[in-house]
């Protein structure tokens, strides 16, 4: 089983400013999170059934929920959270944490 953090960003009013902040500050901070196994960013997110598409989706992965919690509580996690608050000034974001059961198929 793995644990994932998912962040779904709406289209920013100023995409260039958002992209610059995300690329130059947020990704480098996030990559320092303890125990992080994977950090993937997706673009061109199309809604399947109604609703507006998201501008950017970020998916971060850890081995366990305890590791994710420890990462978010770490100094690196607090710095990443502070930067996430700055990103929210540029565009709304939804986030969630979930476990993945890899034994479905």
PDB file of N, CA and C in Angstrom:
ATOM      1  N   UNK A   1       0.842  -1.179   0.000  1.00  0.00           N
ATOM      2  CA  UNK A   1       0.000   0.000   0.000  1.00  0.00           C
ATOM      3  C   UNK A   1       0.888   1.242   0.000  1.00  0.00           C
ATOM      4  N   UNK A   2       0.448   2.273  -0.693  1.00  0.00           N
ATOM      5  CA  UNK A   2       1.141   3.555  -0.690  1.00  0.00           C
ATOM      6  C   UNK A   2       0.153   4.652  -0.296  1.00  0.00           C
ATOM      7  N   UNK A   3       0.704   5.809   0.028  1.00  0.00           N
ATOM      8  CA  UNK A   3      -0.113   6.961   0.414  1.00  0.00           C
ATOM      9  C   UNK A   3       0.222   8.097  -0.535  1.00  0.00           C
ATOM     10  N   UNK A   4      -0.812   8.781  -0.999  1.00  0.00           N
ATOM     11  CA  UNK A   4      -0.604   9.876  -1.936  1.00  0.00           C
ATOM     12  C   UNK A   4      -1.256  11.162  -1.451  1.00  0.00           C
ATOM     13  N   UNK A   5      -0.590  12.251  -1.778  1.00  0.00           N
ATOM     14  CA  UNK A   5      -1.127  13.595  -1.576  1.00  0.00           C
ATOM     15  C   UNK A   5      -1.389  14.144  -2.964  1.00  0.00           C
ATOM     16  N   UNK A   6      -2.590  14.642  -3.182  1.00  0.00           N
ATOM     17  CA  UNK A   6      -2.994  15.156  -4.480  1.00  0.00           C
ATOM     18  C   UNK A   6      -3.393  16.618  -4.333  1.00  0.00           C
ATOM     19  N   UNK A   7      -2.842  17.483  -5.191  1.00  0.00           N
ATOM     20  CA  UNK A   7      -3.203  18.906  -5.207  1.00  0.00           C
ATOM     21  C   UNK A   7      -3.721  19.238  -6.597  1.00  0.00           C
ATOM     22  N   UNK A   8      -4.910  19.837  -6.653  1.00  0.00           N
ATOM     23  CA  UNK A   8      -5.572  20.180  -7.906  1.00  0.00           C
ATOM     24  C   UNK A   8      -5.705  21.695  -7.982  1.00  0.00           C
ATOM     25  N   UNK A   9      -4.963  22.309  -8.884  1.00  0.00           N
ATOM     26  CA  UNK A   9      -4.930  23.766  -9.006  1.00  0.00           C
ATOM     27  C   UNK A   9      -5.857  24.233 -10.117  1.00  0.00           C
ATOM     28  N   UNK A  10      -6.688  25.231  -9.813  1.00  0.00           N
ATOM     29  CA  UNK A  10      -7.537  25.843 -10.829  1.00  0.00           C
ATOM     30  C   UNK A  10      -6.689  26.745 -11.721  1.00  0.00           C
ATOM     31  N   UNK A  11      -7.265  27.209 -12.816  1.00  0.00           N
ATOM     32  CA  UNK A  11      -6.530  28.062 -13.738  1.00  0.00           C
ATOM     33  C   UNK A  11      -6.255  29.417 -13.083  1.00  0.00           C
ATOM     34  N   UNK A  12      -4.990  29.788 -12.987  1.00  0.00           N
ATOM     35  CA  UNK A  12      -4.648  31.068 -12.351  1.00  0.00           C
ATOM     36  C   UNK A  12      -4.949  32.252 -13.262  1.00  0.00           C
ATOM     37  N   UNK A  13      -5.185  33.411 -12.656  1.00  0.00           N
ATOM     38  CA  UNK A  13      -5.404  34.635 -13.433  1.00  0.00           C
ATOM     39  C   UNK A  13      -4.141  34.989 -14.222  1.00  0.00           C
ATOM     40  N   UNK A  14      -2.987  34.709 -13.650  1.00  0.00           N
ATOM     41  CA  UNK A  14      -1.705  34.977 -14.305  1.00  0.00           C
ATOM     42  C   UNK A  14      -0.911  33.664 -14.372  1.00  0.00           C
ATOM     43  N   UNK A  15      -1.141  32.861 -15.418  1.00  0.00           N
ATOM     44  CA  UNK A  15      -0.464  31.566 -15.522  1.00  0.00           C
ATOM     45  C   UNK A  15       1.062  31.657 -15.483  1.00  0.00           C
ATOM     46  N   UNK A  16       1.629  32.693 -16.087  1.00  0.00           N
ATOM     47  CA  UNK A  16       3.093  32.818 -16.084  1.00  0.00           C
ATOM     48  C   UNK A  16       3.639  33.002 -14.673  1.00  0.00           C
ATOM     49  N   UNK A  17       2.992  33.827 -13.878  1.00  0.00           N
ATOM     50  CA  UNK A  17       3.437  34.049 -12.500  1.00  0.00           C
ATOM     51  C   UNK A  17       3.287  32.767 -11.679  1.00  0.00           C
ATOM     52  N   UNK A  18       2.178  32.083 -11.864  1.00  0.00           N
ATOM     53  CA  UNK A  18       1.961  30.824 -11.143  1.00  0.00           C
ATOM     54  C   UNK A  18       3.020  29.790 -11.535  1.00  0.00           C
ATOM     55  N   UNK A  19       3.217  29.605 -12.843  1.00  0.00           N
ATOM     56  CA  UNK A  19       4.196  28.617 -13.316  1.00  0.00           C
ATOM     57  C   UNK A  19       5.596  28.921 -12.802  1.00  0.00           C
ATOM     58  N   UNK A  20       5.970  30.170 -12.828  1.00  0.00           N
ATOM     59  CA  UNK A  20       7.290  30.566 -12.353  1.00  0.00           C
ATOM     60  C   UNK A  20       7.440  30.236 -10.869  1.00  0.00           C
ATOM     61  N   UNK A  21       6.448  30.602 -10.061  1.00  0.00           N
ATOM     62  CA  UNK A  21       6.494  30.327  -8.619  1.00  0.00           C
ATOM     63  C   UNK A  21       6.529  28.821  -8.363  1.00  0.00           C
ATOM     64  N   UNK A  22       5.682  28.087  -9.076  1.00  0.00           N
ATOM     65  CA  UNK A  22       5.613  26.641  -8.869  1.00  0.00           C
ATOM     66  C   UNK A  22       6.930  25.966  -9.248  1.00  0.00           C
ATOM     67  N   UNK A  23       7.461  26.338 -10.386  1.00  0.00           N
ATOM     68  CA  UNK A  23       8.692  25.723 -10.914  1.00  0.00           C
ATOM     69  C   UNK A  23       9.925  26.116 -10.101  1.00  0.00           C
ATOM     70  N   UNK A  24      10.046  27.403  -9.772  1.00  0.00           N
ATOM     71  CA  UNK A  24      11.268  27.901  -9.142  1.00  0.00           C
ATOM     72  C   UNK A  24      11.294  27.753  -7.620  1.00  0.00           C
ATOM     73  N   UNK A  25      10.132  27.714  -6.995  1.00  0.00           N
ATOM     74  CA  UNK A  25      10.106  27.651  -5.526  1.00  0.00           C
ATOM     75  C   UNK A  25       9.439  26.376  -5.004  1.00  0.00           C
ATOM     76  N   UNK A  26       8.244  26.086  -5.487  1.00  0.00           N
ATOM     77  CA  UNK A  26       7.464  25.022  -4.868  1.00  0.00           C
ATOM     78  C   UNK A  26       8.018  23.626  -5.158  1.00  0.00           C
ATOM     79  N   UNK A  27       8.354  23.350  -6.386  1.00  0.00           N
ATOM     80  CA  UNK A  27       8.902  22.022  -6.709  1.00  0.00           C
ATOM     81  C   UNK A  27      10.201  21.760  -5.950  1.00  0.00           C
ATOM     82  N   UNK A  28      11.158  22.691  -5.942  1.00  0.00           N
ATOM     83  CA  UNK A  28      12.381  22.426  -5.168  1.00  0.00           C
ATOM     84  C   UNK A  28      12.113  22.177  -3.681  1.00  0.00           C
ATOM     85  N   UNK A  29      11.157  22.901  -3.092  1.00  0.00           N
ATOM     86  CA  UNK A  29      10.807  22.664  -1.691  1.00  0.00           C
ATOM     87  C   UNK A  29      10.184  21.280  -1.520  1.00  0.00           C
ATOM     88  N   UNK A  30       9.230  20.955  -2.364  1.00  0.00           N
ATOM     89  CA  UNK A  30       8.538  19.668  -2.260  1.00  0.00           C
ATOM     90  C   UNK A  30       9.460  18.477  -2.436  1.00  0.00           C
ATOM     91  N   UNK A  31      10.430  18.602  -3.302  1.00  0.00           N
ATOM     92  CA  UNK A  31      11.359  17.493  -3.549  1.00  0.00           C
ATOM     93  C   UNK A  31      12.238  17.191  -2.343  1.00  0.00           C
ATOM     94  N   UNK A  32      12.291  18.103  -1.373  1.00  0.00           N
ATOM     95  CA  UNK A  32      13.084  17.897  -0.158  1.00  0.00           C
ATOM     96  C   UNK A  32      12.295  17.220   0.962  1.00  0.00           C
ATOM     97  N   UNK A  33      11.002  16.952   0.750  1.00  0.00           N
ATOM     98  CA  UNK A  33      10.191  16.342   1.801  1.00  0.00           C
ATOM     99  C   UNK A  33      10.741  14.961   2.161  1.00  0.00           C
ATOM    100  N   UNK A  34      10.958  14.701   3.441  1.00  0.00           N
ATOM    101  CA  UNK A  34      11.505  13.411   3.862  1.00  0.00           C
ATOM    102  C   UNK A  34      10.613  12.241   3.437  1.00  0.00           C
ATOM    103  N   UNK A  35      11.242  11.189   2.950  1.00  0.00           N
ATOM    104  CA  UNK A  35      10.526   9.964   2.600  1.00  0.00           C
ATOM    105  C   UNK A  35       9.765  10.006   1.292  1.00  0.00           C
ATOM    106  N   UNK A  36       9.781  11.120   0.596  1.00  0.00           N
ATOM    107  CA  UNK A  36       9.035  11.250  -0.660  1.00  0.00           C
ATOM    108  C   UNK A  36       9.576  10.258  -1.686  1.00  0.00           C
ATOM    109  N   UNK A  37       8.684   9.430  -2.228  1.00  0.00           N
ATOM    110  CA  UNK A  37       9.088   8.446  -3.240  1.00  0.00           C
ATOM    111  C   UNK A  37       8.905   8.956  -4.660  1.00  0.00           C
ATOM    112  N   UNK A  38       7.876   9.769  -4.864  1.00  0.00           N
ATOM    113  CA  UNK A  38       7.560  10.205  -6.220  1.00  0.00           C
ATOM    114  C   UNK A  38       6.859  11.541  -6.170  1.00  0.00           C
ATOM    115  N   UNK A  39       7.161  12.404  -7.143  1.00  0.00           N
ATOM    116  CA  UNK A  39       6.520  13.714  -7.277  1.00  0.00           C
ATOM    117  C   UNK A  39       6.229  13.864  -8.764  1.00  0.00           C
ATOM    118  N   UNK A  40       4.965  13.837  -9.124  1.00  0.00           N
ATOM    119  CA  UNK A  40       4.568  13.955 -10.528  1.00  0.00           C
ATOM    120  C   UNK A  40       3.651  15.156 -10.695  1.00  0.00           C
ATOM    121  N   UNK A  41       3.812  15.853 -11.818  1.00  0.00           N
ATOM    122  CA  UNK A  41       2.979  17.015 -12.136  1.00  0.00           C
ATOM    123  C   UNK A  41       2.312  16.751 -13.481  1.00  0.00           C
ATOM    124  N   UNK A  42       1.000  16.978 -13.532  1.00  0.00           N
ATOM    125  CA  UNK A  42       0.250  16.787 -14.768  1.00  0.00           C
ATOM    126  C   UNK A  42      -0.409  18.081 -15.204  1.00  0.00           C
ATOM    127  N   UNK A  43      -0.468  18.259 -16.506  1.00  0.00           N
ATOM    128  CA  UNK A  43      -1.126  19.436 -17.091  1.00  0.00           C
ATOM    129  C   UNK A  43      -2.151  18.971 -18.115  1.00  0.00           C
ATOM    130  N   UNK A  44      -2.879  19.919 -18.680  1.00  0.00           N
ATOM    131  CA  UNK A  44      -3.918  19.611 -19.668  1.00  0.00           C
ATOM    132  C   UNK A  44      -4.929  18.617 -19.096  1.00  0.00           C
ATOM    133  N   UNK A  45      -5.418  18.911 -17.898  1.00  0.00           N
ATOM    134  CA  UNK A  45      -6.341  18.041 -17.187  1.00  0.00           C
ATOM    135  C   UNK A  45      -7.762  18.315 -17.677  1.00  0.00           C
ATOM    136  N   UNK A  46      -8.352  17.351 -18.358  1.00  0.00           N
ATOM    137  CA  UNK A  46      -9.700  17.507 -18.913  1.00  0.00           C
ATOM    138  C   UNK A  46     -10.723  16.865 -17.983  1.00  0.00           C
ATOM    139  N   UNK A  47     -11.820  17.568 -17.739  1.00  0.00           N
ATOM    140  CA  UNK A  47     -12.914  17.021 -16.942  1.00  0.00           C
ATOM    141  C   UNK A  47     -13.653  15.975 -17.776  1.00  0.00           C
ATOM    142  N   UNK A  48     -13.966  14.839 -17.172  1.00  0.00           N
ATOM    143  CA  UNK A  48     -14.675  13.782 -17.886  1.00  0.00           C
ATOM    144  C   UNK A  48     -16.167  14.072 -17.927  1.00  0.00           C
ATOM    145  N   UNK A  49     -16.717  14.490 -16.805  1.00  0.00           N
ATOM    146  CA  UNK A  49     -18.152  14.780 -16.737  1.00  0.00           C
ATOM    147  C   UNK A  49     -18.370  16.147 -16.119  1.00  0.00           C
ATOM    148  N   UNK A  50     -18.518  17.141 -16.946  1.00  0.00           N
ATOM    149  CA  UNK A  50     -18.830  18.482 -16.463  1.00  0.00           C
ATOM    150  C   UNK A  50     -17.737  19.099 -15.623  1.00  0.00           C
ATOM    151  N   UNK A  51     -17.969  20.303 -15.246  1.00  0.00           N
ATOM    152  CA  UNK A  51     -17.003  20.999 -14.414  1.00  0.00           C
ATOM    153  C   UNK A  51     -15.835  21.523 -15.225  1.00  0.00           C
ATOM    154  N   UNK A  52     -15.184  22.497 -14.659  1.00  0.00           N
ATOM    155  CA  UNK A  52     -14.028  23.091 -15.327  1.00  0.00           C
ATOM    156  C   UNK A  52     -12.812  22.193 -15.138  1.00  0.00           C
ATOM    157  N   UNK A  53     -11.948  22.143 -16.123  1.00  0.00           N
ATOM    158  CA  UNK A  53     -10.721  21.363 -15.965  1.00  0.00           C
ATOM    159  C   UNK A  53      -9.779  22.066 -14.995  1.00  0.00           C
ATOM    160  N   UNK A  54      -8.878  21.320 -14.439  1.00  0.00           N
ATOM    161  CA  UNK A  54      -7.857  21.899 -13.577  1.00  0.00           C
ATOM    162  C   UNK A  54      -6.666  22.316 -14.422  1.00  0.00           C
ATOM    163  N   UNK A  55      -5.952  23.289 -13.952  1.00  0.00           N
ATOM    164  CA  UNK A  55      -4.777  23.802 -14.652  1.00  0.00           C
ATOM    165  C   UNK A  55      -3.576  22.880 -14.447  1.00  0.00           C
ATOM    166  N   UNK A  56      -3.420  22.397 -13.204  1.00  0.00           N
ATOM    167  CA  UNK A  56      -2.265  21.580 -12.860  1.00  0.00           C
ATOM    168  C   UNK A  56      -2.663  20.615 -11.750  1.00  0.00           C
ATOM    169  N   UNK A  57      -2.158  19.403 -11.835  1.00  0.00           N
ATOM    170  CA  UNK A  57      -2.366  18.394 -10.803  1.00  0.00           C
ATOM    171  C   UNK A  57      -0.999  17.914 -10.342  1.00  0.00           C
ATOM    172  N   UNK A  58      -0.781  17.910  -9.038  1.00  0.00           N
ATOM    173  CA  UNK A  58       0.470  17.399  -8.472  1.00  0.00           C
ATOM    174  C   UNK A  58       0.148  16.186  -7.607  1.00  0.00           C
ATOM    175  N   UNK A  59       0.939  15.138  -7.758  1.00  0.00           N
ATOM    176  CA  UNK A  59       0.742  13.912  -6.985  1.00  0.00           C
ATOM    177  C   UNK A  59       2.065  13.532  -6.330  1.00  0.00           C
ATOM    178  N   UNK A  60       2.044  13.452  -5.002  1.00  0.00           N
ATOM    179  CA  UNK A  60       3.227  13.095  -4.234  1.00  0.00           C
ATOM    180  C   UNK A  60       2.945  11.784  -3.516  1.00  0.00           C
ATOM    181  N   UNK A  61       3.970  10.936  -3.389  1.00  0.00           N
ATOM    182  CA  UNK A  61       3.747   9.594  -2.866  1.00  0.00           C
ATOM    183  C   UNK A  61       4.762   9.214  -1.785  1.00  0.00           C
ATOM    184  N   UNK A  62       4.239   8.568  -0.740  1.00  0.00           N
ATOM    185  CA  UNK A  62       5.043   8.011   0.352  1.00  0.00           C
ATOM    186  C   UNK A  62       4.664   6.556   0.557  1.00  0.00           C
ATOM    187  N   UNK A  63       5.497   5.827   1.307  1.00  0.00           N
ATOM    188  CA  UNK A  63       5.214   4.420   1.589  1.00  0.00           C
ATOM    189  C   UNK A  63       4.089   4.237   2.596  1.00  0.00           C
ATOM    190  N   UNK A  64       4.016   5.120   3.607  1.00  0.00           N
ATOM    191  CA  UNK A  64       3.013   4.962   4.667  1.00  0.00           C
ATOM    192  C   UNK A  64       2.424   6.319   5.061  1.00  0.00           C
ATOM    193  N   UNK A  65       1.279   6.268   5.709  1.00  0.00           N
ATOM    194  CA  UNK A  65       0.647   7.484   6.216  1.00  0.00           C
ATOM    195  C   UNK A  65       1.529   8.136   7.280  1.00  0.00           C
ATOM    196  N   UNK A  66       2.179   7.326   8.106  1.00  0.00           N
ATOM    197  CA  UNK A  66       3.072   7.882   9.126  1.00  0.00           C
ATOM    198  C   UNK A  66       4.218   8.669   8.485  1.00  0.00           C
ATOM    199  N   UNK A  67       4.764   8.161   7.374  1.00  0.00           N
ATOM    200  CA  UNK A  67       5.842   8.875   6.677  1.00  0.00           C
ATOM    201  C   UNK A  67       5.341  10.187   6.091  1.00  0.00           C
ATOM    202  N   UNK A  68       4.142  10.182   5.524  1.00  0.00           N
ATOM    203  CA  UNK A  68       3.564  11.424   4.981  1.00  0.00           C
ATOM    204  C   UNK A  68       3.377  12.441   6.101  1.00  0.00           C
ATOM    205  N   UNK A  69       2.801  12.005   7.208  1.00  0.00           N
ATOM    206  CA  UNK A  69       2.575  12.915   8.342  1.00  0.00           C
ATOM    207  C   UNK A  69       3.896  13.476   8.870  1.00  0.00           C
ATOM    208  N   UNK A  70       4.901  12.620   8.963  1.00  0.00           N
ATOM    209  CA  UNK A  70       6.208  13.078   9.435  1.00  0.00           C
ATOM    210  C   UNK A  70       6.808  14.084   8.455  1.00  0.00           C
ATOM    211  N   UNK A  71       6.634  13.835   7.161  1.00  0.00           N
ATOM    212  CA  UNK A  71       7.157  14.759   6.147  1.00  0.00           C
ATOM    213  C   UNK A  71       6.484  16.121   6.269  1.00  0.00           C
ATOM    214  N   UNK A  72       5.170  16.137   6.433  1.00  0.00           N
ATOM    215  CA  UNK A  72       4.446  17.401   6.532  1.00  0.00           C
ATOM    216  C   UNK A  72       4.775  18.140   7.827  1.00  0.00           C
ATOM    217  N   UNK A  73       5.135  17.410   8.893  1.00  0.00           N
ATOM    218  CA  UNK A  73       5.467  18.026  10.175  1.00  0.00           C
ATOM    219  C   UNK A  73       6.924  18.485  10.247  1.00  0.00           C
ATOM    220  N   UNK A  74       7.737  18.063   9.294  1.00  0.00           N
ATOM    221  CA  UNK A  74       9.165  18.392   9.289  1.00  0.00           C
ATOM    222  C   UNK A  74       9.381  19.866   8.921  1.00  0.00           C
ATOM    223  N   UNK A  75      10.588  20.378   9.151  1.00  0.00           N
ATOM    224  CA  UNK A  75      10.888  21.742   8.705  1.00  0.00           C
ATOM    225  C   UNK A  75      10.673  21.916   7.195  1.00  0.00           C
ATOM    226  N   UNK A  76      11.027  20.898   6.432  1.00  0.00           N
ATOM    227  CA  UNK A  76      10.812  20.964   4.982  1.00  0.00           C
ATOM    228  C   UNK A  76       9.318  21.004   4.655  1.00  0.00           C
ATOM    229  N   UNK A  77       8.534  20.251   5.414  1.00  0.00           N
ATOM    230  CA  UNK A  77       7.084  20.250   5.216  1.00  0.00           C
ATOM    231  C   UNK A  77       6.461  21.585   5.552  1.00  0.00           C
ATOM    232  N   UNK A  78       6.929  22.199   6.635  1.00  0.00           N
ATOM    233  CA  UNK A  78       6.400  23.519   7.011  1.00  0.00           C
ATOM    234  C   UNK A  78       6.778  24.578   5.978  1.00  0.00           C
ATOM    235  N   UNK A  79       7.984  24.485   5.424  1.00  0.00           N
ATOM    236  CA  UNK A  79       8.400  25.438   4.382  1.00  0.00           C
ATOM    237  C   UNK A  79       7.576  25.242   3.119  1.00  0.00           C
ATOM    238  N   UNK A  80       7.308  23.990   2.770  1.00  0.00           N
ATOM    239  CA  UNK A  80       6.492  23.701   1.584  1.00  0.00           C
ATOM    240  C   UNK A  80       5.067  24.197   1.792  1.00  0.00           C
ATOM    241  N   UNK A  81       4.523  24.004   2.987  1.00  0.00           N
ATOM    242  CA  UNK A  81       3.164  24.482   3.291  1.00  0.00           C
ATOM    243  C   UNK A  81       3.080  26.000   3.228  1.00  0.00           C
ATOM    244  N   UNK A  82       4.112  26.680   3.707  1.00  0.00           N
ATOM    245  CA  UNK A  82       4.126  28.145   3.643  1.00  0.00           C
ATOM    246  C   UNK A  82       4.127  28.607   2.194  1.00  0.00           C
ATOM    247  N   UNK A  83       4.880  27.922   1.349  1.00  0.00           N
ATOM    248  CA  UNK A  83       4.890  28.288  -0.060  1.00  0.00           C
ATOM    249  C   UNK A  83       3.560  27.941  -0.723  1.00  0.00           C
ATOM    250  N   UNK A  84       2.932  26.853  -0.305  1.00  0.00           N
ATOM    251  CA  UNK A  84       1.612  26.492  -0.849  1.00  0.00           C
ATOM    252  C   UNK A  84       0.597  27.598  -0.547  1.00  0.00           C
ATOM    253  N   UNK A  85       0.711  28.223   0.611  1.00  0.00           N
ATOM    254  CA  UNK A  85      -0.180  29.341   0.944  1.00  0.00           C
ATOM    255  C   UNK A  85       0.036  30.501  -0.023  1.00  0.00           C
ATOM    256  N   UNK A  86       1.281  30.724  -0.422  1.00  0.00           N
ATOM    257  CA  UNK A  86       1.564  31.784  -1.408  1.00  0.00           C
ATOM    258  C   UNK A  86       0.963  31.424  -2.769  1.00  0.00           C
ATOM    259  N   UNK A  87       1.032  30.141  -3.134  1.00  0.00           N
ATOM    260  CA  UNK A  87       0.422  29.705  -4.398  1.00  0.00           C
ATOM    261  C   UNK A  87      -1.086  29.914  -4.382  1.00  0.00           C
ATOM    262  N   UNK A  88      -1.705  29.711  -3.221  1.00  0.00           N
ATOM    263  CA  UNK A  88      -3.153  29.891  -3.116  1.00  0.00           C
ATOM    264  C   UNK A  88      -3.553  31.348  -3.301  1.00  0.00           C
ATOM    265  N   UNK A  89      -2.622  32.258  -3.142  1.00  0.00           N
ATOM    266  CA  UNK A  89      -2.906  33.659  -3.448  1.00  0.00           C
ATOM    267  C   UNK A  89      -3.013  33.859  -4.956  1.00  0.00           C
ATOM    268  N   UNK A  90      -2.412  32.944  -5.734  1.00  0.00           N
ATOM    269  CA  UNK A  90      -2.432  33.050  -7.192  1.00  0.00           C
ATOM    270  C   UNK A  90      -3.578  32.270  -7.832  1.00  0.00           C
ATOM    271  N   UNK A  91      -4.035  31.214  -7.162  1.00  0.00           N
ATOM    272  CA  UNK A  91      -5.142  30.411  -7.697  1.00  0.00           C
ATOM    273  C   UNK A  91      -5.675  29.469  -6.625  1.00  0.00           C
ATOM    274  N   UNK A  92      -6.969  29.159  -6.669  1.00  0.00           N
ATOM    275  CA  UNK A  92      -7.520  28.197  -5.709  1.00  0.00           C
ATOM    276  C   UNK A  92      -6.942  26.800  -5.941  1.00  0.00           C
ATOM    277  N   UNK A  93      -6.839  26.034  -4.849  1.00  0.00           N
ATOM    278  CA  UNK A  93      -6.336  24.665  -4.928  1.00  0.00           C
ATOM    279  C   UNK A  93      -7.174  23.779  -4.022  1.00  0.00           C
ATOM    280  N   UNK A  94      -7.397  22.563  -4.466  1.00  0.00           N
ATOM    281  CA  UNK A  94      -8.030  21.531  -3.637  1.00  0.00           C
ATOM    282  C   UNK A  94      -6.961  20.480  -3.390  1.00  0.00           C
ATOM    283  N   UNK A  95      -6.953  19.927  -2.199  1.00  0.00           N
ATOM    284  CA  UNK A  95      -5.977  18.885  -1.923  1.00  0.00           C
ATOM    285  C   UNK A  95      -6.617  17.766  -1.124  1.00  0.00           C
ATOM    286  N   UNK A  96      -6.022  16.595  -1.225  1.00  0.00           N
ATOM    287  CA  UNK A  96      -6.526  15.430  -0.507  1.00  0.00           C
ATOM    288  C   UNK A  96      -5.396  14.443  -0.293  1.00  0.00           C
ATOM    289  N   UNK A  97      -5.574  13.602   0.698  1.00  0.00           N
ATOM    290  CA  UNK A  97      -4.638  12.530   1.004  1.00  0.00           C
ATOM    291  C   UNK A  97      -5.428  11.232   0.929  1.00  0.00           C
ATOM    292  N   UNK A  98      -4.829  10.205   0.312  1.00  0.00           N
ATOM    293  CA  UNK A  98      -5.521   8.925   0.234  1.00  0.00           C
ATOM    294  C   UNK A  98      -4.523   7.780   0.173  1.00  0.00           C
ATOM    295  N   UNK A  99      -4.995   6.613   0.570  1.00  0.00           N
ATOM    296  CA  UNK A  99      -4.167   5.410   0.467  1.00  0.00           C
ATOM    297  C   UNK A  99      -4.549   4.688  -0.814  1.00  0.00           C
ATOM    298  N   UNK A 100      -3.577   3.985  -1.360  1.00  0.00           N
ATOM    299  CA  UNK A 100      -3.792   3.246  -2.609  1.00  0.00           C
ATOM    300  C   UNK A 100      -3.623   1.772  -2.326  1.00  0.00           C
ATOM    301  N   UNK A 101      -4.646   1.001  -2.641  1.00  0.00           N
ATOM    302  CA  UNK A 101      -4.574  -0.446  -2.518  1.00  0.00           C
ATOM    303  C   UNK A 101      -4.217  -0.999  -3.879  1.00  0.00           C
ATOM    304  N   UNK A 102      -2.978  -1.400  -4.037  1.00  0.00           N
ATOM    305  CA  UNK A 102      -2.489  -1.863  -5.322  1.00  0.00           C
ATOM    306  C   UNK A 102      -2.982  -3.251  -5.713  1.00  0.00           C
ATOM    307  N   UNK A 103      -3.779  -3.894  -4.879  1.00  0.00           N
ATOM    308  CA  UNK A 103      -4.204  -5.259  -5.168  1.00  0.00           C
ATOM    309  C   UNK A 103      -5.548  -5.351  -5.877  1.00  0.00           C
ATOM    310  N   UNK A 104      -6.073  -4.273  -6.425  1.00  0.00           N
ATOM    311  CA  UNK A 104      -7.379  -4.288  -7.069  1.00  0.00           C
ATOM    312  C   UNK A 104      -7.348  -5.125  -8.353  1.00  0.00           C
ATOM    313  N   UNK A 105      -6.290  -5.022  -9.112  1.00  0.00           N
ATOM    314  CA  UNK A 105      -6.211  -5.804 -10.360  1.00  0.00           C
ATOM    315  C   UNK A 105      -5.021  -6.711 -10.360  1.00  0.00           C
TER     316      UNK A 105
END
